[in-house]
């Protein structure tokens, strides 16, 4: 018997090559019934395959994912325009952030040792406005519906 999540549950795919980090995110999201992790991927090819198979609402993607980067974000966005892409990175360079947002990521969260930003409290990095995939500039916190 398959138990379906509540209709309001947002499905999440984790794409990171560090198993400890994926486990920590799963533990964090497990505290919030509005999220349901539907899969994991450790490289760009498996990330795209899992996106196609599970059609998640949200993808949390490591910037340094093997086979990842800007091209992976563009491919994911092209095939699934309504999916929300959250970039999770140890890199805080402004050019990297700008590239990922321009490629179609919805927000960019820096790995600071605290996972609180992934609960929806992430701010656009750099303190200034950001231009998202809509082309509009926003001064408010980066948001992913349901977070």
C-alpha atoms as a PDB file:
ATOM      1  CA  UNK A   1       0.000   0.000   0.000  1.00  0.00           C
ATOM      2  CA  UNK A   2       1.401   3.378  -1.001  1.00  0.00           C
ATOM      3  CA  UNK A   3       0.773   6.292   1.325  1.00  0.00           C
ATOM      4  CA  UNK A   4       0.437   9.528  -0.573  1.00  0.00           C
ATOM      5  CA  UNK A   5       1.767  12.744   0.988  1.00  0.00           C
ATOM      6  CA  UNK A   6      -0.654  15.570   1.762  1.00  0.00           C
ATOM      7  CA  UNK A   7      -1.593  17.518  -1.359  1.00  0.00           C
ATOM      8  CA  UNK A   8       0.315  20.486   0.005  1.00  0.00           C
ATOM      9  CA  UNK A   9       3.590  18.536   0.308  1.00  0.00           C
ATOM     10  CA  UNK A  10       6.287  19.863  -2.003  1.00  0.00           C
ATOM     11  CA  UNK A  11       8.447  17.178  -3.587  1.00  0.00           C
ATOM     12  CA  UNK A  12      12.203  17.694  -3.357  1.00  0.00           C
ATOM     13  CA  UNK A  13      15.123  16.187  -5.256  1.00  0.00           C
ATOM     14  CA  UNK A  14      18.604  16.492  -3.707  1.00  0.00           C
ATOM     15  CA  UNK A  15      21.535  16.702  -6.121  1.00  0.00           C
ATOM     16  CA  UNK A  16      24.840  16.741  -4.246  1.00  0.00           C
ATOM     17  CA  UNK A  17      27.844  14.436  -4.341  1.00  0.00           C
ATOM     18  CA  UNK A  18      28.387  14.619  -0.558  1.00  0.00           C
ATOM     19  CA  UNK A  19      26.310  11.895   1.101  1.00  0.00           C
ATOM     20  CA  UNK A  20      26.657  13.436   4.577  1.00  0.00           C
ATOM     21  CA  UNK A  21      25.193  16.701   3.343  1.00  0.00           C
ATOM     22  CA  UNK A  22      22.318  14.952   1.574  1.00  0.00           C
ATOM     23  CA  UNK A  23      21.586  13.033   4.786  1.00  0.00           C
ATOM     24  CA  UNK A  24      21.593  16.257   6.822  1.00  0.00           C
ATOM     25  CA  UNK A  25      19.190  17.955   4.418  1.00  0.00           C
ATOM     26  CA  UNK A  26      16.892  14.909   4.501  1.00  0.00           C
ATOM     27  CA  UNK A  27      16.891  15.064   8.308  1.00  0.00           C
ATOM     28  CA  UNK A  28      16.115  18.783   8.242  1.00  0.00           C
ATOM     29  CA  UNK A  29      13.309  18.490   5.706  1.00  0.00           C
ATOM     30  CA  UNK A  30      11.888  15.489   7.567  1.00  0.00           C
ATOM     31  CA  UNK A  31      10.856  17.917  10.305  1.00  0.00           C
ATOM     32  CA  UNK A  32       8.532  19.711   7.911  1.00  0.00           C
ATOM     33  CA  UNK A  33       5.518  17.765   6.610  1.00  0.00           C
ATOM     34  CA  UNK A  34       5.193  20.191   3.717  1.00  0.00           C
ATOM     35  CA  UNK A  35       8.275  18.560   2.118  1.00  0.00           C
ATOM     36  CA  UNK A  36       8.839  15.061   0.782  1.00  0.00           C
ATOM     37  CA  UNK A  37      12.223  14.040  -0.597  1.00  0.00           C
ATOM     38  CA  UNK A  38      11.603  11.968  -3.728  1.00  0.00           C
ATOM     39  CA  UNK A  39      15.161  11.204  -4.746  1.00  0.00           C
ATOM     40  CA  UNK A  40      18.857  11.907  -4.720  1.00  0.00           C
ATOM     41  CA  UNK A  41      21.524  12.296  -7.376  1.00  0.00           C
ATOM     42  CA  UNK A  42      25.308  12.449  -7.185  1.00  0.00           C
ATOM     43  CA  UNK A  43      26.126  13.880 -10.627  1.00  0.00           C
ATOM     44  CA  UNK A  44      24.616  15.912 -13.450  1.00  0.00           C
ATOM     45  CA  UNK A  45      23.500  12.950 -15.564  1.00  0.00           C
ATOM     46  CA  UNK A  46      21.688  11.241 -12.699  1.00  0.00           C
ATOM     47  CA  UNK A  47      20.234  14.600 -11.629  1.00  0.00           C
ATOM     48  CA  UNK A  48      18.565  15.124 -15.012  1.00  0.00           C
ATOM     49  CA  UNK A  49      17.397  11.497 -15.065  1.00  0.00           C
ATOM     50  CA  UNK A  50      15.840  11.811 -11.588  1.00  0.00           C
ATOM     51  CA  UNK A  51      14.192  15.116 -12.536  1.00  0.00           C
ATOM     52  CA  UNK A  52      12.580  13.436 -15.544  1.00  0.00           C
ATOM     53  CA  UNK A  53      11.495  10.404 -13.495  1.00  0.00           C
ATOM     54  CA  UNK A  54      10.183  12.139 -10.372  1.00  0.00           C
ATOM     55  CA  UNK A  55       9.200  15.595 -11.676  1.00  0.00           C
ATOM     56  CA  UNK A  56       9.946  17.302  -8.329  1.00  0.00           C
ATOM     57  CA  UNK A  57       8.589  20.667  -7.314  1.00  0.00           C
ATOM     58  CA  UNK A  58      11.998  21.715  -5.979  1.00  0.00           C
ATOM     59  CA  UNK A  59      15.566  20.677  -6.794  1.00  0.00           C
ATOM     60  CA  UNK A  60      18.336  21.482  -4.337  1.00  0.00           C
ATOM     61  CA  UNK A  61      21.461  21.373  -6.485  1.00  0.00           C
ATOM     62  CA  UNK A  62      25.103  21.703  -5.495  1.00  0.00           C
ATOM     63  CA  UNK A  63      26.947  24.200  -7.702  1.00  0.00           C
ATOM     64  CA  UNK A  64      29.989  21.895  -7.781  1.00  0.00           C
ATOM     65  CA  UNK A  65      28.048  18.757  -8.644  1.00  0.00           C
ATOM     66  CA  UNK A  66      30.161  16.629 -11.033  1.00  0.00           C
ATOM     67  CA  UNK A  67      28.759  17.216 -14.507  1.00  0.00           C
ATOM     68  CA  UNK A  68      26.794  20.158 -13.155  1.00  0.00           C
ATOM     69  CA  UNK A  69      27.126  23.903 -13.302  1.00  0.00           C
ATOM     70  CA  UNK A  70      25.457  26.410 -15.566  1.00  0.00           C
ATOM     71  CA  UNK A  71      24.723  23.892 -18.326  1.00  0.00           C
ATOM     72  CA  UNK A  72      22.936  21.577 -15.901  1.00  0.00           C
ATOM     73  CA  UNK A  73      20.807  24.445 -14.585  1.00  0.00           C
ATOM     74  CA  UNK A  74      19.882  25.444 -18.153  1.00  0.00           C
ATOM     75  CA  UNK A  75      18.993  21.853 -19.094  1.00  0.00           C
ATOM     76  CA  UNK A  76      16.902  21.356 -15.966  1.00  0.00           C
ATOM     77  CA  UNK A  77      15.126  24.672 -16.478  1.00  0.00           C
ATOM     78  CA  UNK A  78      14.457  24.043 -20.180  1.00  0.00           C
ATOM     79  CA  UNK A  79      12.807  20.705 -19.535  1.00  0.00           C
ATOM     80  CA  UNK A  80      10.896  21.763 -16.431  1.00  0.00           C
ATOM     81  CA  UNK A  81      10.111  25.488 -16.418  1.00  0.00           C
ATOM     82  CA  UNK A  82       7.810  25.316 -13.363  1.00  0.00           C
ATOM     83  CA  UNK A  83      10.293  23.472 -11.152  1.00  0.00           C
ATOM     84  CA  UNK A  84      12.116  25.553  -8.553  1.00  0.00           C
ATOM     85  CA  UNK A  85      15.903  25.298  -8.555  1.00  0.00           C
ATOM     86  CA  UNK A  86      17.762  26.116  -5.355  1.00  0.00           C
ATOM     87  CA  UNK A  87      21.527  26.308  -5.795  1.00  0.00           C
ATOM     88  CA  UNK A  88      23.448  25.235  -2.704  1.00  0.00           C
ATOM     89  CA  UNK A  89      27.107  26.160  -2.747  1.00  0.00           C
ATOM     90  CA  UNK A  90      30.328  26.633  -0.856  1.00  0.00           C
ATOM     91  CA  UNK A  91      31.244  29.350  -3.368  1.00  0.00           C
ATOM     92  CA  UNK A  92      30.279  32.900  -2.508  1.00  0.00           C
ATOM     93  CA  UNK A  93      31.782  34.606  -5.561  1.00  0.00           C
ATOM     94  CA  UNK A  94      29.376  37.139  -7.039  1.00  0.00           C
ATOM     95  CA  UNK A  95      30.088  36.013 -10.616  1.00  0.00           C
ATOM     96  CA  UNK A  96      29.173  32.379  -9.798  1.00  0.00           C
ATOM     97  CA  UNK A  97      25.930  33.500  -8.189  1.00  0.00           C
ATOM     98  CA  UNK A  98      25.076  35.746 -11.119  1.00  0.00           C
ATOM     99  CA  UNK A  99      25.805  32.962 -13.622  1.00  0.00           C
ATOM    100  CA  UNK A 100      23.562  30.456 -11.824  1.00  0.00           C
ATOM    101  CA  UNK A 101      20.696  32.924 -11.448  1.00  0.00           C
ATOM    102  CA  UNK A 102      21.007  33.960 -15.092  1.00  0.00           C
ATOM    103  CA  UNK A 103      20.964  30.288 -16.146  1.00  0.00           C
ATOM    104  CA  UNK A 104      17.603  29.824 -14.431  1.00  0.00           C
ATOM    105  CA  UNK A 105      18.174  29.093 -10.747  1.00  0.00           C
ATOM    106  CA  UNK A 106      15.547  30.594  -8.452  1.00  0.00           C
ATOM    107  CA  UNK A 107      17.891  31.249  -5.551  1.00  0.00           C
ATOM    108  CA  UNK A 108      21.451  30.688  -4.380  1.00  0.00           C
ATOM    109  CA  UNK A 109      22.176  29.594  -0.813  1.00  0.00           C
ATOM    110  CA  UNK A 110      25.739  29.507   0.508  1.00  0.00           C
ATOM    111  CA  UNK A 111      26.787  26.478   2.564  1.00  0.00           C
ATOM    112  CA  UNK A 112      27.703  28.129   5.836  1.00  0.00           C
ATOM    113  CA  UNK A 113      27.499  25.117   8.094  1.00  0.00           C
ATOM    114  CA  UNK A 114      23.894  25.986   8.951  1.00  0.00           C
ATOM    115  CA  UNK A 115      20.990  24.575   6.985  1.00  0.00           C
ATOM    116  CA  UNK A 116      18.460  27.154   8.173  1.00  0.00           C
ATOM    117  CA  UNK A 117      18.419  28.999   4.803  1.00  0.00           C
ATOM    118  CA  UNK A 118      17.080  25.874   3.122  1.00  0.00           C
ATOM    119  CA  UNK A 119      13.925  26.140   5.224  1.00  0.00           C
ATOM    120  CA  UNK A 120      13.016  29.209   3.229  1.00  0.00           C
ATOM    121  CA  UNK A 121      14.863  31.928   5.048  1.00  0.00           C
ATOM    122  CA  UNK A 122      17.551  32.332   2.378  1.00  0.00           C
ATOM    123  CA  UNK A 123      18.239  35.831   1.173  1.00  0.00           C
ATOM    124  CA  UNK A 124      19.657  36.650  -2.237  1.00  0.00           C
ATOM    125  CA  UNK A 125      23.385  36.627  -1.704  1.00  0.00           C
ATOM    126  CA  UNK A 126      25.218  39.927  -1.963  1.00  0.00           C
ATOM    127  CA  UNK A 127      22.574  42.019  -0.240  1.00  0.00           C
ATOM    128  CA  UNK A 128      21.429  43.753  -3.407  1.00  0.00           C
ATOM    129  CA  UNK A 129      18.718  43.120  -5.913  1.00  0.00           C
ATOM    130  CA  UNK A 130      18.769  40.008  -8.048  1.00  0.00           C
ATOM    131  CA  UNK A 131      17.308  39.256 -11.397  1.00  0.00           C
ATOM    132  CA  UNK A 132      15.615  35.891 -11.507  1.00  0.00           C
ATOM    133  CA  UNK A 133      14.419  33.870 -14.446  1.00  0.00           C
ATOM    134  CA  UNK A 134      11.433  36.168 -14.876  1.00  0.00           C
ATOM    135  CA  UNK A 135      13.821  38.985 -15.726  1.00  0.00           C
ATOM    136  CA  UNK A 136      12.423  41.091 -12.877  1.00  0.00           C
ATOM    137  CA  UNK A 137      14.665  42.472 -10.169  1.00  0.00           C
ATOM    138  CA  UNK A 138      13.728  41.682  -6.596  1.00  0.00           C
ATOM    139  CA  UNK A 139      14.909  43.180  -3.309  1.00  0.00           C
ATOM    140  CA  UNK A 140      12.962  40.720  -1.175  1.00  0.00           C
ATOM    141  CA  UNK A 141      14.245  37.383   0.091  1.00  0.00           C
ATOM    142  CA  UNK A 142      14.610  34.677  -2.506  1.00  0.00           C
ATOM    143  CA  UNK A 143      11.492  32.607  -2.314  1.00  0.00           C
ATOM    144  CA  UNK A 144      10.364  29.222  -3.394  1.00  0.00           C
ATOM    145  CA  UNK A 145       6.593  28.772  -3.006  1.00  0.00           C
ATOM    146  CA  UNK A 146       5.793  26.657   0.030  1.00  0.00           C
ATOM    147  CA  UNK A 147       9.082  27.398   1.827  1.00  0.00           C
END
